N, C-alpha and C. Protein backbone atom coordinates (compact mmCIF):
# COMPACT_ATOMS: atom_id res chain seq x y z
N MET A 1 -102.29 -51.60 11.01
CA MET A 1 -101.36 -51.57 12.13
C MET A 1 -100.83 -52.51 12.12
N GLY A 2 -101.42 -53.80 12.77
CA GLY A 2 -100.79 -55.38 13.07
C GLY A 2 -99.70 -55.51 11.99
N VAL A 3 -100.59 -55.13 10.53
CA VAL A 3 -99.52 -56.04 9.41
C VAL A 3 -98.09 -55.11 9.29
N ILE A 4 -98.13 -53.62 10.04
CA ILE A 4 -97.06 -52.45 10.14
C ILE A 4 -95.90 -53.38 11.19
N LEU A 5 -96.43 -53.47 12.18
CA LEU A 5 -95.75 -54.36 13.05
C LEU A 5 -94.74 -55.25 12.88
N LEU A 6 -95.58 -56.32 12.15
CA LEU A 6 -95.24 -57.51 11.96
C LEU A 6 -94.18 -57.35 10.58
N VAL A 7 -93.98 -56.16 10.32
CA VAL A 7 -93.53 -56.15 8.62
C VAL A 7 -92.13 -55.72 9.82
N LEU A 8 -92.39 -54.60 10.87
CA LEU A 8 -90.86 -54.12 11.48
C LEU A 8 -90.53 -55.51 12.03
N LEU A 9 -91.48 -56.19 13.23
CA LEU A 9 -90.41 -56.90 13.97
C LEU A 9 -89.82 -58.13 12.55
N LEU A 10 -90.33 -58.68 11.50
CA LEU A 10 -89.88 -59.28 10.68
C LEU A 10 -87.89 -58.63 10.22
N ALA A 11 -88.27 -57.39 9.85
CA ALA A 11 -87.17 -56.92 9.62
C ALA A 11 -86.01 -57.10 10.43
N LEU A 12 -86.70 -56.30 11.89
CA LEU A 12 -85.80 -56.39 12.88
C LEU A 12 -85.48 -57.94 13.08
N LEU A 13 -85.95 -58.93 12.92
CA LEU A 13 -85.16 -60.15 12.93
C LEU A 13 -84.75 -60.41 11.99
N LEU A 14 -84.72 -60.28 10.64
CA LEU A 14 -83.68 -60.72 9.54
C LEU A 14 -82.73 -60.06 9.94
N GLY A 15 -82.50 -58.62 9.94
CA GLY A 15 -81.34 -57.76 10.30
C GLY A 15 -80.45 -58.51 11.05
N GLY A 16 -81.32 -59.01 12.58
CA GLY A 16 -80.09 -59.20 13.25
C GLY A 16 -79.85 -60.43 12.98
N LEU A 17 -81.20 -61.41 12.75
CA LEU A 17 -79.87 -62.37 11.77
C LEU A 17 -78.85 -62.30 11.36
N GLY A 18 -79.16 -61.65 9.92
CA GLY A 18 -77.59 -61.37 9.43
C GLY A 18 -76.16 -60.68 9.97
N PHE A 19 -76.72 -60.03 11.18
CA PHE A 19 -75.62 -59.71 11.60
C PHE A 19 -74.87 -61.09 12.43
N ALA A 20 -75.69 -61.72 12.68
CA ALA A 20 -75.17 -62.70 13.46
C ALA A 20 -74.69 -63.89 12.64
N VAL A 21 -75.11 -63.90 11.83
CA VAL A 21 -74.40 -64.79 10.37
C VAL A 21 -72.83 -63.83 10.06
N HIS A 22 -72.95 -62.95 9.56
CA HIS A 22 -71.62 -61.98 9.29
C HIS A 22 -70.51 -62.16 10.37
N ALA A 23 -71.06 -62.32 11.87
CA ALA A 23 -70.17 -62.49 13.02
C ALA A 23 -69.67 -63.97 13.11
N LEU A 24 -70.54 -65.09 12.87
CA LEU A 24 -69.84 -66.29 12.72
C LEU A 24 -68.81 -66.41 11.86
N TRP A 25 -68.95 -66.06 10.82
CA TRP A 25 -68.27 -65.62 9.23
C TRP A 25 -66.87 -65.45 10.20
N ILE A 26 -66.92 -64.29 10.87
CA ILE A 26 -66.06 -63.77 10.72
C ILE A 26 -65.01 -64.38 12.13
N ILE A 27 -65.57 -65.20 13.03
CA ILE A 27 -65.08 -66.08 13.91
C ILE A 27 -64.37 -67.81 13.04
N ALA A 28 -65.24 -67.79 12.02
CA ALA A 28 -64.61 -69.34 11.69
C ALA A 28 -63.28 -68.93 10.91
N VAL A 29 -63.53 -67.60 10.36
CA VAL A 29 -62.21 -67.49 9.85
C VAL A 29 -61.19 -67.23 10.86
N VAL A 30 -61.35 -66.37 11.81
CA VAL A 30 -60.22 -66.04 12.83
C VAL A 30 -59.84 -67.55 13.06
N VAL A 31 -60.63 -68.40 13.42
CA VAL A 31 -60.59 -70.03 14.15
C VAL A 31 -59.69 -71.29 13.03
N PHE A 32 -59.95 -71.00 11.78
CA PHE A 32 -59.29 -71.34 10.66
C PHE A 32 -58.10 -71.03 10.51
N VAL A 33 -57.97 -69.76 10.41
CA VAL A 33 -56.53 -69.22 10.42
C VAL A 33 -55.23 -69.32 11.75
N ALA A 34 -56.07 -69.75 12.67
CA ALA A 34 -55.43 -70.07 14.11
C ALA A 34 -55.02 -71.64 13.69
N TRP A 35 -55.88 -72.50 13.33
CA TRP A 35 -55.89 -73.79 12.91
C TRP A 35 -54.73 -74.11 11.92
N LEU A 36 -55.10 -72.78 11.15
CA LEU A 36 -53.93 -73.02 10.25
C LEU A 36 -52.00 -72.92 9.99
N VAL A 37 -52.38 -72.12 11.01
CA VAL A 37 -51.03 -71.31 11.68
C VAL A 37 -50.11 -72.72 12.64
N GLY A 38 -51.17 -73.04 13.29
CA GLY A 38 -50.78 -74.29 14.82
C GLY A 38 -50.47 -75.61 13.68
N PHE A 39 -51.21 -76.01 12.95
CA PHE A 39 -50.09 -76.66 11.64
C PHE A 39 -48.96 -76.55 11.13
N GLY A 40 -48.69 -75.00 10.98
CA GLY A 40 -48.25 -75.15 10.14
C GLY A 40 -46.43 -74.87 11.18
N PHE A 41 -46.73 -74.69 12.58
CA PHE A 41 -45.54 -74.64 13.27
C PHE A 41 -45.55 -75.80 13.84
N SER A 42 -46.60 -77.04 13.72
CA SER A 42 -46.31 -78.51 14.16
C SER A 42 -45.94 -78.74 12.98
N GLY A 43 -45.58 -78.85 11.97
CA GLY A 43 -44.55 -79.22 10.85
C GLY A 43 -45.33 -80.58 10.52
N GLY A 44 -46.49 -81.42 11.40
CA GLY A 44 -47.17 -82.29 10.97
C GLY A 44 -46.06 -83.56 11.33
N GLU A 45 -45.58 -83.59 12.12
CA GLU A 45 -43.92 -84.56 12.63
C GLU A 45 -44.76 -85.45 13.44
N LEU A 46 -43.65 -86.92 14.52
CA LEU A 46 -44.69 -87.34 14.71
C LEU A 46 -43.74 -87.26 15.96
N SER A 47 -44.22 -87.69 17.38
CA SER A 47 -43.52 -87.53 18.34
C SER A 47 -44.26 -88.32 18.82
N GLY A 48 -43.36 -89.69 19.52
CA GLY A 48 -43.89 -90.95 20.52
C GLY A 48 -44.69 -91.78 19.85
N GLY A 49 -44.45 -91.58 18.40
CA GLY A 49 -45.51 -93.08 17.23
C GLY A 49 -46.71 -92.00 17.30
N ARG A 50 -47.03 -91.07 17.35
CA ARG A 50 -48.28 -90.38 17.63
C ARG A 50 -47.85 -88.72 16.54
N ARG A 51 -49.05 -88.67 15.99
CA ARG A 51 -48.93 -87.55 15.38
C ARG A 51 -49.14 -86.29 16.53
N ALA A 52 -47.72 -85.45 16.29
CA ALA A 52 -48.12 -83.99 17.28
C ALA A 52 -49.40 -83.04 16.99
N ARG A 53 -50.03 -82.81 17.80
CA ARG A 53 -50.61 -81.96 18.75
C ARG A 53 -50.80 -80.55 18.60
N TRP A 54 -50.83 -79.40 17.57
CA TRP A 54 -50.69 -78.43 17.83
C TRP A 54 -51.04 -77.92 18.86
N TYR A 55 -52.72 -78.34 19.11
CA TYR A 55 -53.22 -77.72 20.82
C TYR A 55 -52.84 -77.64 22.32
N ARG A 56 -51.84 -78.82 21.63
CA ARG A 56 -50.89 -78.99 23.19
C ARG A 56 -50.02 -78.49 23.48
N ARG A 57 -49.33 -77.93 24.28
CA ARG A 57 -48.39 -77.26 24.49
C ARG A 57 -47.30 -77.68 25.78
N TRP A 58 -48.03 -78.57 25.89
CA TRP A 58 -47.03 -79.13 27.78
C TRP A 58 -47.35 -80.65 27.35
């Protein structure tokens, strides 16, 4: 009985971990695309002797 509970607990843990890793990959891809879009809009130009930062809007 204890072995069955241990196996079920392990399966639940690994299943949850797999879902979390998958969700983190999706978040990482979304952030990377947002970074690419922001970098493209900034054009990499210099402003005031410094490189323009895409995340500063004001």
